């Protein structure tokens, strides 16, 4: 009986396993419920975005809840990328924010912060997922941050949902360097 209870208690964790596999491609999705932030002068607009756009460069995807705590989880990974100064012609960071997983009443703040980041880093790609559709499809944890690395053809080189440790950060940087 104890084993059955243990098994049942673990079931939700199995049901929410990351649906992104190293060596494969990302589950395909189109986001048109906001989408990618576009910068024209000082103005920001949104355009539909698709995983089909994720090729031609090595891409580091940070998919995260619309919460400061989620952003902080993998801030050291993003800082390591900034310090490495990879060329824009061979590398791109893509930040996808789940607005459906923001603290109640903070969605305006989250959108404003995303717009500010787009202006500060115009070469980076910022995507707003208002309904959390991508996060549901990829089975990403709530209140979390996932790091996914793709090669230039869109093959997943690394994927982890949750905070990366220093060894994993070094591994991702090494994979970027080996694939650009």
N, C-alpha and C. Protein backbone atom coordinates (compact mmCIF):
# COMPACT_ATOMS: atom_id res chain seq x y z
N UNK A 1 0.82 -1.19 0.00
CA UNK A 1 0.00 0.00 0.00
C UNK A 1 0.87 1.27 0.00
N UNK A 2 1.96 1.25 0.78
CA UNK A 2 2.86 2.41 0.83
C UNK A 2 3.45 2.69 -0.54
N UNK A 3 3.80 1.63 -1.27
CA UNK A 3 4.39 1.81 -2.60
C UNK A 3 3.38 2.42 -3.56
N UNK A 4 2.13 2.02 -3.45
CA UNK A 4 1.09 2.57 -4.30
C UNK A 4 0.90 4.06 -4.02
N UNK A 5 0.88 4.44 -2.74
CA UNK A 5 0.74 5.85 -2.38
C UNK A 5 1.93 6.67 -2.88
N UNK A 6 3.12 6.12 -2.77
CA UNK A 6 4.30 6.81 -3.27
C UNK A 6 4.20 6.99 -4.78
N UNK A 7 3.81 5.97 -5.48
CA UNK A 7 3.66 6.03 -6.92
C UNK A 7 2.63 7.08 -7.32
N UNK A 8 1.51 7.11 -6.64
CA UNK A 8 0.47 8.09 -6.94
C UNK A 8 0.93 9.51 -6.62
N UNK A 9 1.74 9.68 -5.58
CA UNK A 9 2.22 11.02 -5.23
C UNK A 9 3.20 11.55 -6.27
N UNK A 10 3.88 10.67 -6.97
CA UNK A 10 4.83 11.09 -7.99
C UNK A 10 4.20 11.30 -9.36
N UNK A 11 2.99 10.85 -9.55
CA UNK A 11 2.32 10.93 -10.83
C UNK A 11 2.28 12.34 -11.41
N UNK A 12 1.91 13.38 -10.64
CA UNK A 12 1.91 14.72 -11.22
C UNK A 12 3.28 15.14 -11.74
N UNK A 13 4.36 14.74 -11.10
CA UNK A 13 5.70 15.08 -11.57
C UNK A 13 5.97 14.41 -12.92
N UNK A 14 5.54 13.17 -13.07
CA UNK A 14 5.72 12.49 -14.36
C UNK A 14 4.90 13.16 -15.44
N UNK A 15 3.70 13.58 -15.09
CA UNK A 15 2.80 14.18 -16.07
C UNK A 15 3.35 15.52 -16.57
N UNK A 16 4.17 16.17 -15.78
CA UNK A 16 4.69 17.48 -16.17
C UNK A 16 6.17 17.42 -16.59
N UNK A 17 6.62 16.30 -17.09
CA UNK A 17 8.01 16.19 -17.54
C UNK A 17 8.21 17.07 -18.76
N UNK A 18 9.37 17.68 -18.86
CA UNK A 18 9.72 18.56 -19.97
C UNK A 18 9.53 17.82 -21.28
N UNK A 19 8.78 18.43 -22.19
CA UNK A 19 8.45 17.83 -23.48
C UNK A 19 9.43 18.31 -24.56
N UNK A 20 10.70 18.46 -24.20
CA UNK A 20 11.76 18.88 -25.12
C UNK A 20 12.91 17.90 -24.93
N UNK A 21 13.34 17.27 -26.00
CA UNK A 21 14.36 16.23 -25.90
C UNK A 21 15.63 16.60 -26.65
N UNK A 22 16.76 16.40 -25.99
CA UNK A 22 18.06 16.62 -26.62
C UNK A 22 18.18 15.71 -27.84
N UNK A 23 18.66 16.28 -28.94
CA UNK A 23 18.83 15.53 -30.18
C UNK A 23 17.62 15.60 -31.10
N UNK A 24 16.51 16.11 -30.59
CA UNK A 24 15.30 16.24 -31.40
C UNK A 24 15.02 17.69 -31.74
N UNK A 25 13.83 17.94 -32.23
CA UNK A 25 13.39 19.30 -32.52
C UNK A 25 12.37 19.73 -31.47
N UNK A 26 12.20 21.02 -31.33
CA UNK A 26 11.19 21.54 -30.40
C UNK A 26 9.79 21.20 -30.90
N UNK A 27 8.87 20.94 -29.99
CA UNK A 27 7.47 20.83 -30.41
C UNK A 27 7.06 22.15 -31.06
N UNK A 28 6.50 22.08 -32.24
CA UNK A 28 6.17 23.25 -33.04
C UNK A 28 4.95 23.99 -32.49
N UNK A 29 5.05 25.32 -32.49
CA UNK A 29 3.93 26.15 -32.04
C UNK A 29 4.01 27.53 -32.69
N UNK A 30 2.85 28.11 -32.92
CA UNK A 30 2.74 29.49 -33.38
C UNK A 30 2.10 30.29 -32.25
N UNK A 31 2.66 31.47 -31.98
CA UNK A 31 2.10 32.35 -30.94
C UNK A 31 1.64 33.63 -31.62
N UNK A 32 0.34 33.83 -31.61
CA UNK A 32 -0.21 35.06 -32.17
C UNK A 32 -1.07 35.80 -31.14
N UNK A 33 -0.98 35.36 -29.88
CA UNK A 33 -1.73 36.00 -28.79
C UNK A 33 -0.85 37.04 -28.11
N UNK A 34 -0.11 37.77 -28.83
CA UNK A 34 0.87 38.82 -28.54
C UNK A 34 2.01 38.54 -29.50
N UNK A 35 2.96 37.66 -29.13
CA UNK A 35 4.01 37.27 -30.06
C UNK A 35 5.31 38.00 -29.81
N UNK A 36 6.09 38.14 -30.90
CA UNK A 36 7.42 38.72 -30.80
C UNK A 36 7.35 40.24 -30.77
N UNK A 37 8.12 40.83 -29.88
CA UNK A 37 8.20 42.28 -29.81
C UNK A 37 9.05 42.79 -30.96
N UNK A 38 8.53 43.79 -31.66
CA UNK A 38 9.22 44.43 -32.78
C UNK A 38 9.50 45.88 -32.41
N UNK A 39 10.72 46.31 -32.65
CA UNK A 39 11.13 47.67 -32.32
C UNK A 39 11.26 48.48 -33.60
N UNK A 40 10.52 49.59 -33.67
CA UNK A 40 10.60 50.52 -34.80
C UNK A 40 10.79 51.91 -34.20
N UNK A 41 12.03 52.39 -34.24
CA UNK A 41 12.35 53.65 -33.58
C UNK A 41 12.21 53.47 -32.09
N UNK A 42 11.25 54.18 -31.49
CA UNK A 42 10.99 54.06 -30.06
C UNK A 42 9.71 53.28 -29.77
N UNK A 43 9.04 52.85 -30.84
CA UNK A 43 7.76 52.17 -30.69
C UNK A 43 7.92 50.66 -30.70
N UNK A 44 7.10 50.00 -29.89
CA UNK A 44 7.08 48.53 -29.81
C UNK A 44 5.74 48.04 -30.33
N UNK A 45 5.80 47.04 -31.19
CA UNK A 45 4.58 46.36 -31.64
C UNK A 45 4.82 44.86 -31.51
N UNK A 46 3.77 44.09 -31.77
CA UNK A 46 3.87 42.63 -31.67
C UNK A 46 3.59 42.02 -33.03
N UNK A 47 4.29 40.92 -33.33
CA UNK A 47 3.99 40.16 -34.54
C UNK A 47 3.92 38.69 -34.18
N UNK A 48 3.17 37.94 -34.98
CA UNK A 48 3.05 36.50 -34.74
C UNK A 48 4.45 35.89 -34.74
N UNK A 49 4.64 34.87 -33.92
CA UNK A 49 5.94 34.21 -33.79
C UNK A 49 5.74 32.71 -33.86
N UNK A 50 6.74 32.01 -34.40
CA UNK A 50 6.66 30.56 -34.55
C UNK A 50 8.01 29.92 -34.25
N UNK A 51 7.97 28.70 -33.75
CA UNK A 51 9.22 27.96 -33.54
C UNK A 51 9.91 27.69 -34.87
N UNK A 52 9.19 27.79 -35.98
CA UNK A 52 9.80 27.60 -37.30
C UNK A 52 10.85 28.67 -37.60
N UNK A 53 10.81 29.78 -36.87
CA UNK A 53 11.78 30.86 -37.04
C UNK A 53 13.12 30.56 -36.36
N UNK A 54 13.18 29.49 -35.59
CA UNK A 54 14.37 29.20 -34.79
C UNK A 54 15.39 28.36 -35.56
N UNK A 55 15.95 28.96 -36.58
CA UNK A 55 17.04 28.29 -37.30
C UNK A 55 17.92 29.34 -37.96
N UNK A 56 19.08 28.89 -38.43
CA UNK A 56 20.02 29.80 -39.07
C UNK A 56 21.11 30.31 -38.14
N UNK A 57 20.88 30.23 -36.85
CA UNK A 57 21.86 30.64 -35.84
C UNK A 57 21.77 29.67 -34.67
N UNK A 58 22.79 29.65 -33.85
CA UNK A 58 22.69 28.95 -32.56
C UNK A 58 21.77 29.82 -31.70
N UNK A 59 20.77 29.20 -31.09
CA UNK A 59 19.77 29.94 -30.32
C UNK A 59 19.70 29.43 -28.89
N UNK A 60 19.80 30.36 -27.95
CA UNK A 60 19.58 30.05 -26.54
C UNK A 60 18.20 30.57 -26.18
N UNK A 61 17.32 29.67 -25.81
CA UNK A 61 15.96 30.05 -25.44
C UNK A 61 15.85 30.05 -23.92
N UNK A 62 15.37 31.17 -23.39
CA UNK A 62 15.01 31.23 -21.98
C UNK A 62 13.50 31.37 -21.95
N UNK A 63 12.81 30.30 -21.58
CA UNK A 63 11.36 30.31 -21.48
C UNK A 63 11.00 30.38 -20.01
N UNK A 64 10.30 31.44 -19.62
CA UNK A 64 10.10 31.64 -18.18
C UNK A 64 8.74 32.23 -17.85
N UNK A 65 8.35 32.01 -16.62
CA UNK A 65 7.14 32.61 -16.08
C UNK A 65 7.34 34.12 -16.01
N UNK A 66 6.24 34.85 -16.07
CA UNK A 66 6.31 36.31 -15.99
C UNK A 66 6.47 36.79 -14.56
N UNK A 67 7.53 36.35 -13.91
CA UNK A 67 7.80 36.67 -12.51
C UNK A 67 9.28 36.99 -12.34
N UNK A 68 9.59 37.90 -11.46
CA UNK A 68 10.98 38.24 -11.17
C UNK A 68 11.73 37.02 -10.66
N UNK A 69 11.09 36.22 -9.83
CA UNK A 69 11.76 35.03 -9.28
C UNK A 69 12.16 34.06 -10.38
N UNK A 70 11.36 33.95 -11.44
CA UNK A 70 11.70 33.06 -12.56
C UNK A 70 12.88 33.62 -13.34
N UNK A 71 12.89 34.93 -13.52
CA UNK A 71 14.00 35.57 -14.24
C UNK A 71 15.32 35.37 -13.49
N UNK A 72 15.26 35.46 -12.18
CA UNK A 72 16.47 35.33 -11.36
C UNK A 72 17.03 33.91 -11.35
N UNK A 73 16.18 32.91 -11.59
CA UNK A 73 16.64 31.51 -11.56
C UNK A 73 17.83 31.27 -12.49
N UNK A 74 17.75 31.81 -13.70
CA UNK A 74 18.82 31.56 -14.67
C UNK A 74 19.54 32.84 -15.10
N UNK A 75 19.49 33.85 -14.23
CA UNK A 75 20.24 35.08 -14.50
C UNK A 75 21.74 34.81 -14.69
N UNK A 76 22.36 33.90 -13.92
CA UNK A 76 23.78 33.62 -14.15
C UNK A 76 24.07 33.06 -15.56
N UNK A 77 23.14 32.30 -16.12
CA UNK A 77 23.31 31.78 -17.48
C UNK A 77 23.29 32.93 -18.48
N UNK A 78 22.34 33.83 -18.33
CA UNK A 78 22.22 34.97 -19.24
C UNK A 78 23.44 35.88 -19.10
N UNK A 79 23.91 36.07 -17.88
CA UNK A 79 25.11 36.89 -17.66
C UNK A 79 26.33 36.26 -18.32
N UNK A 80 26.46 34.95 -18.26
CA UNK A 80 27.58 34.25 -18.90
C UNK A 80 27.55 34.46 -20.41
N UNK A 81 26.36 34.46 -20.99
CA UNK A 81 26.21 34.70 -22.43
C UNK A 81 26.62 36.14 -22.76
N UNK A 82 26.18 37.09 -21.95
CA UNK A 82 26.56 38.50 -22.18
C UNK A 82 28.08 38.66 -22.13
N UNK A 83 28.72 38.03 -21.15
CA UNK A 83 30.17 38.12 -21.00
C UNK A 83 30.91 37.48 -22.17
N UNK A 84 30.34 36.44 -22.76
CA UNK A 84 30.99 35.74 -23.87
C UNK A 84 30.96 36.55 -25.16
N UNK A 85 30.01 37.47 -25.29
CA UNK A 85 29.90 38.35 -26.45
C UNK A 85 29.93 37.59 -27.78
N UNK A 86 29.02 36.64 -27.92
CA UNK A 86 28.91 35.89 -29.16
C UNK A 86 28.43 36.81 -30.28
N UNK A 87 28.89 36.58 -31.49
CA UNK A 87 28.52 37.42 -32.63
C UNK A 87 27.06 37.29 -33.00
N UNK A 88 26.43 38.44 -33.31
CA UNK A 88 25.02 38.46 -33.69
C UNK A 88 24.73 37.69 -34.97
N UNK A 89 25.75 37.50 -35.79
CA UNK A 89 25.55 36.81 -37.06
C UNK A 89 25.45 35.29 -36.89
N UNK A 90 25.90 34.76 -35.75
CA UNK A 90 25.90 33.30 -35.53
C UNK A 90 25.15 32.86 -34.28
N UNK A 91 24.72 33.82 -33.45
CA UNK A 91 24.10 33.48 -32.16
C UNK A 91 22.96 34.45 -31.86
N UNK A 92 21.92 33.94 -31.18
CA UNK A 92 20.83 34.81 -30.73
C UNK A 92 20.20 34.24 -29.46
N UNK A 93 19.85 35.15 -28.56
CA UNK A 93 19.09 34.79 -27.37
C UNK A 93 17.62 35.07 -27.64
N UNK A 94 16.77 34.12 -27.28
CA UNK A 94 15.33 34.27 -27.43
C UNK A 94 14.71 34.11 -26.04
N UNK A 95 14.04 35.16 -25.57
CA UNK A 95 13.38 35.11 -24.28
C UNK A 95 11.88 35.02 -24.51
N UNK A 96 11.27 33.97 -23.98
CA UNK A 96 9.83 33.76 -24.12
C UNK A 96 9.22 33.85 -22.72
N UNK A 97 8.27 34.76 -22.56
CA UNK A 97 7.68 35.00 -21.25
C UNK A 97 6.21 34.57 -21.24
N UNK A 98 5.87 33.77 -20.24
CA UNK A 98 4.51 33.29 -20.04
C UNK A 98 3.75 34.30 -19.19
N UNK A 99 2.98 35.15 -19.84
CA UNK A 99 2.22 36.17 -19.11
C UNK A 99 1.08 35.54 -18.30
N UNK A 100 0.66 34.35 -18.69
CA UNK A 100 -0.39 33.63 -17.96
C UNK A 100 0.12 33.14 -16.60
N UNK A 101 1.44 33.14 -16.42
CA UNK A 101 2.06 32.72 -15.16
C UNK A 101 2.74 33.91 -14.48
N UNK A 102 2.06 35.04 -14.51
CA UNK A 102 2.53 36.23 -13.80
C UNK A 102 1.71 36.36 -12.52
N UNK A 103 2.27 37.01 -11.53
CA UNK A 103 1.53 37.26 -10.29
C UNK A 103 0.35 38.17 -10.62
N UNK A 104 -0.81 37.86 -10.05
CA UNK A 104 -2.03 38.62 -10.32
C UNK A 104 -1.77 40.13 -10.18
N UNK A 105 -2.18 40.87 -11.20
CA UNK A 105 -2.05 42.32 -11.16
C UNK A 105 -0.73 42.86 -11.66
N UNK A 106 0.19 41.99 -12.09
CA UNK A 106 1.52 42.46 -12.51
C UNK A 106 1.75 42.36 -14.02
N UNK A 107 0.74 41.97 -14.79
CA UNK A 107 0.97 41.77 -16.22
C UNK A 107 1.43 43.04 -16.92
N UNK A 108 0.92 44.19 -16.52
CA UNK A 108 1.36 45.46 -17.11
C UNK A 108 2.82 45.73 -16.82
N UNK A 109 3.25 45.43 -15.61
CA UNK A 109 4.66 45.58 -15.24
C UNK A 109 5.53 44.64 -16.07
N UNK A 110 5.09 43.39 -16.23
CA UNK A 110 5.86 42.40 -17.00
C UNK A 110 6.01 42.86 -18.45
N UNK A 111 4.91 43.32 -19.06
CA UNK A 111 4.97 43.81 -20.45
C UNK A 111 5.92 45.00 -20.56
N UNK A 112 5.84 45.92 -19.60
CA UNK A 112 6.71 47.09 -19.60
C UNK A 112 8.18 46.71 -19.50
N UNK A 113 8.48 45.76 -18.65
CA UNK A 113 9.87 45.29 -18.48
C UNK A 113 10.37 44.64 -19.76
N UNK A 114 9.52 43.86 -20.42
CA UNK A 114 9.89 43.21 -21.67
C UNK A 114 10.18 44.25 -22.76
N UNK A 115 9.35 45.28 -22.82
CA UNK A 115 9.57 46.36 -23.80
C UNK A 115 10.88 47.09 -23.52
N UNK A 116 11.15 47.35 -22.24
CA UNK A 116 12.41 48.01 -21.86
C UNK A 116 13.60 47.15 -22.27
N UNK A 117 13.51 45.84 -22.06
CA UNK A 117 14.61 44.93 -22.44
C UNK A 117 14.80 44.89 -23.95
N UNK A 118 13.71 44.94 -24.71
CA UNK A 118 13.82 44.94 -26.18
C UNK A 118 14.56 46.18 -26.64
N UNK A 119 14.28 47.31 -26.02
CA UNK A 119 14.96 48.55 -26.38
C UNK A 119 16.44 48.49 -25.99
N UNK A 120 16.75 47.87 -24.86
CA UNK A 120 18.14 47.76 -24.40
C UNK A 120 18.93 46.74 -25.21
N UNK A 121 18.26 45.69 -25.69
CA UNK A 121 18.92 44.62 -26.46
C UNK A 121 18.14 44.37 -27.75
N UNK A 122 18.22 45.31 -28.70
CA UNK A 122 17.38 45.22 -29.91
C UNK A 122 17.66 43.99 -30.78
N UNK A 123 18.84 43.42 -30.71
CA UNK A 123 19.16 42.23 -31.52
C UNK A 123 18.57 40.95 -30.93
N UNK A 124 18.26 40.97 -29.64
CA UNK A 124 17.68 39.79 -28.99
C UNK A 124 16.21 39.69 -29.38
N UNK A 125 15.68 38.50 -29.28
CA UNK A 125 14.28 38.24 -29.59
C UNK A 125 13.51 38.06 -28.28
N UNK A 126 12.42 38.81 -28.14
CA UNK A 126 11.56 38.72 -26.97
C UNK A 126 10.16 38.35 -27.44
N UNK A 127 9.61 37.31 -26.84
CA UNK A 127 8.30 36.80 -27.24
C UNK A 127 7.40 36.77 -26.01
N UNK A 128 6.19 37.31 -26.17
CA UNK A 128 5.21 37.32 -25.09
C UNK A 128 4.11 36.32 -25.42
N UNK A 129 3.95 35.34 -24.54
CA UNK A 129 2.91 34.31 -24.68
C UNK A 129 1.83 34.62 -23.65
N UNK A 130 0.80 35.35 -24.06
CA UNK A 130 -0.24 35.80 -23.13
C UNK A 130 -1.01 34.65 -22.49
N UNK A 131 -1.24 33.59 -23.25
CA UNK A 131 -2.09 32.50 -22.76
C UNK A 131 -1.31 31.30 -22.24
N UNK A 132 0.02 31.33 -22.34
CA UNK A 132 0.83 30.22 -21.84
C UNK A 132 0.75 28.97 -22.69
N UNK A 133 0.39 29.12 -23.96
CA UNK A 133 0.22 27.96 -24.85
C UNK A 133 1.52 27.19 -25.07
N UNK A 134 2.62 27.91 -25.29
CA UNK A 134 3.91 27.26 -25.48
C UNK A 134 4.32 26.50 -24.22
N UNK A 135 4.09 27.09 -23.09
CA UNK A 135 4.49 26.49 -21.81
C UNK A 135 3.70 25.22 -21.54
N UNK A 136 2.44 25.23 -21.95
CA UNK A 136 1.61 24.03 -21.80
C UNK A 136 2.09 22.94 -22.76
N UNK A 137 2.34 23.29 -24.02
CA UNK A 137 2.78 22.31 -25.02
C UNK A 137 4.13 21.70 -24.64
N UNK A 138 5.07 22.54 -24.21
CA UNK A 138 6.41 22.06 -23.86
C UNK A 138 6.44 21.49 -22.44
N UNK A 139 5.34 21.59 -21.72
CA UNK A 139 5.20 21.06 -20.35
C UNK A 139 6.25 21.65 -19.40
N UNK A 140 6.36 22.98 -19.45
CA UNK A 140 7.29 23.68 -18.57
C UNK A 140 6.64 23.91 -17.21
N UNK A 141 7.46 23.88 -16.18
CA UNK A 141 6.97 24.06 -14.81
C UNK A 141 6.46 25.48 -14.60
N UNK A 142 5.45 25.60 -13.77
CA UNK A 142 4.95 26.92 -13.38
C UNK A 142 6.00 27.60 -12.50
N UNK A 143 6.01 28.92 -12.54
CA UNK A 143 6.88 29.75 -11.71
C UNK A 143 8.36 29.44 -11.92
N UNK A 144 8.72 28.97 -13.10
CA UNK A 144 10.09 28.52 -13.34
C UNK A 144 10.68 29.17 -14.58
N UNK A 145 11.86 28.73 -14.92
CA UNK A 145 12.61 29.19 -16.08
C UNK A 145 13.32 28.00 -16.70
N UNK A 146 13.16 27.83 -18.00
CA UNK A 146 13.84 26.74 -18.71
C UNK A 146 14.88 27.33 -19.65
N UNK A 147 15.98 26.62 -19.81
CA UNK A 147 17.02 26.99 -20.77
C UNK A 147 17.09 25.88 -21.81
N UNK A 148 16.95 26.27 -23.07
CA UNK A 148 17.00 25.33 -24.19
C UNK A 148 17.97 25.88 -25.22
N UNK A 149 18.92 25.06 -25.64
CA UNK A 149 19.91 25.48 -26.63
C UNK A 149 19.68 24.71 -27.92
N UNK A 150 19.62 25.45 -29.03
CA UNK A 150 19.44 24.85 -30.35
C UNK A 150 20.66 25.13 -31.22
N UNK A 151 21.01 24.18 -32.08
CA UNK A 151 22.05 24.47 -33.07
C UNK A 151 21.39 25.23 -34.23
N UNK A 152 22.17 25.60 -35.24
CA UNK A 152 21.67 26.43 -36.33
C UNK A 152 20.59 25.74 -37.16
N UNK A 153 20.50 24.42 -37.10
CA UNK A 153 19.45 23.71 -37.84
C UNK A 153 18.21 23.46 -36.99
N UNK A 154 18.22 23.89 -35.73
CA UNK A 154 17.06 23.74 -34.86
C UNK A 154 17.05 22.50 -34.00
N UNK A 155 18.15 21.76 -33.98
CA UNK A 155 18.25 20.56 -33.15
C UNK A 155 18.56 20.96 -31.71
N UNK A 156 17.86 20.35 -30.76
CA UNK A 156 18.06 20.65 -29.34
C UNK A 156 19.39 20.06 -28.88
N UNK A 157 20.27 20.94 -28.38
CA UNK A 157 21.57 20.52 -27.85
C UNK A 157 21.54 20.36 -26.33
N UNK A 158 20.66 21.12 -25.68
CA UNK A 158 20.59 21.13 -24.21
C UNK A 158 19.20 21.60 -23.83
N UNK A 159 18.63 21.02 -22.79
CA UNK A 159 17.33 21.47 -22.28
C UNK A 159 17.22 21.14 -20.80
N UNK A 160 16.87 22.16 -20.03
CA UNK A 160 16.61 21.93 -18.60
C UNK A 160 15.57 22.93 -18.13
N UNK A 161 14.59 22.42 -17.41
CA UNK A 161 13.57 23.26 -16.79
C UNK A 161 13.96 23.44 -15.33
N UNK A 162 14.29 24.66 -14.95
CA UNK A 162 14.73 24.94 -13.59
C UNK A 162 16.10 25.60 -13.62
N UNK A 163 16.61 25.87 -12.44
CA UNK A 163 17.87 26.59 -12.29
C UNK A 163 19.06 25.74 -12.75
N UNK A 164 19.94 26.35 -13.55
CA UNK A 164 21.17 25.69 -13.97
C UNK A 164 22.25 25.92 -12.93
N UNK A 165 23.05 24.89 -12.65
CA UNK A 165 24.20 25.06 -11.77
C UNK A 165 25.39 25.51 -12.62
N UNK A 166 26.52 25.81 -11.98
CA UNK A 166 27.67 26.34 -12.71
C UNK A 166 28.19 25.35 -13.75
N UNK A 167 28.19 24.08 -13.43
CA UNK A 167 28.65 23.07 -14.39
C UNK A 167 27.76 23.06 -15.64
N UNK A 168 26.46 23.20 -15.46
CA UNK A 168 25.53 23.24 -16.60
C UNK A 168 25.71 24.52 -17.41
N UNK A 169 25.95 25.64 -16.73
CA UNK A 169 26.21 26.91 -17.43
C UNK A 169 27.46 26.76 -18.29
N UNK A 170 28.52 26.20 -17.71
CA UNK A 170 29.76 25.98 -18.47
C UNK A 170 29.52 25.05 -19.65
N UNK A 171 28.69 24.04 -19.45
CA UNK A 171 28.37 23.10 -20.53
C UNK A 171 27.66 23.82 -21.68
N UNK A 172 26.68 24.66 -21.35
CA UNK A 172 25.94 25.40 -22.37
C UNK A 172 26.86 26.36 -23.12
N UNK A 173 27.70 27.09 -22.41
CA UNK A 173 28.65 28.00 -23.06
C UNK A 173 29.57 27.20 -24.00
N UNK A 174 30.06 26.05 -23.55
CA UNK A 174 30.90 25.19 -24.37
C UNK A 174 30.18 24.71 -25.62
N UNK A 175 28.91 24.35 -25.47
CA UNK A 175 28.12 23.91 -26.63
C UNK A 175 27.90 25.05 -27.62
N UNK A 176 27.67 26.25 -27.11
CA UNK A 176 27.52 27.41 -28.00
C UNK A 176 28.81 27.61 -28.78
N UNK A 177 29.93 27.64 -28.07
CA UNK A 177 31.23 27.85 -28.72
C UNK A 177 31.52 26.78 -29.76
N UNK A 178 31.16 25.54 -29.49
CA UNK A 178 31.42 24.43 -30.41
C UNK A 178 30.50 24.45 -31.63
N UNK A 179 29.39 25.18 -31.55
CA UNK A 179 28.41 25.14 -32.63
C UNK A 179 28.25 26.44 -33.41
N UNK A 180 28.98 27.48 -33.03
CA UNK A 180 28.89 28.73 -33.81
C UNK A 180 29.95 28.77 -34.89
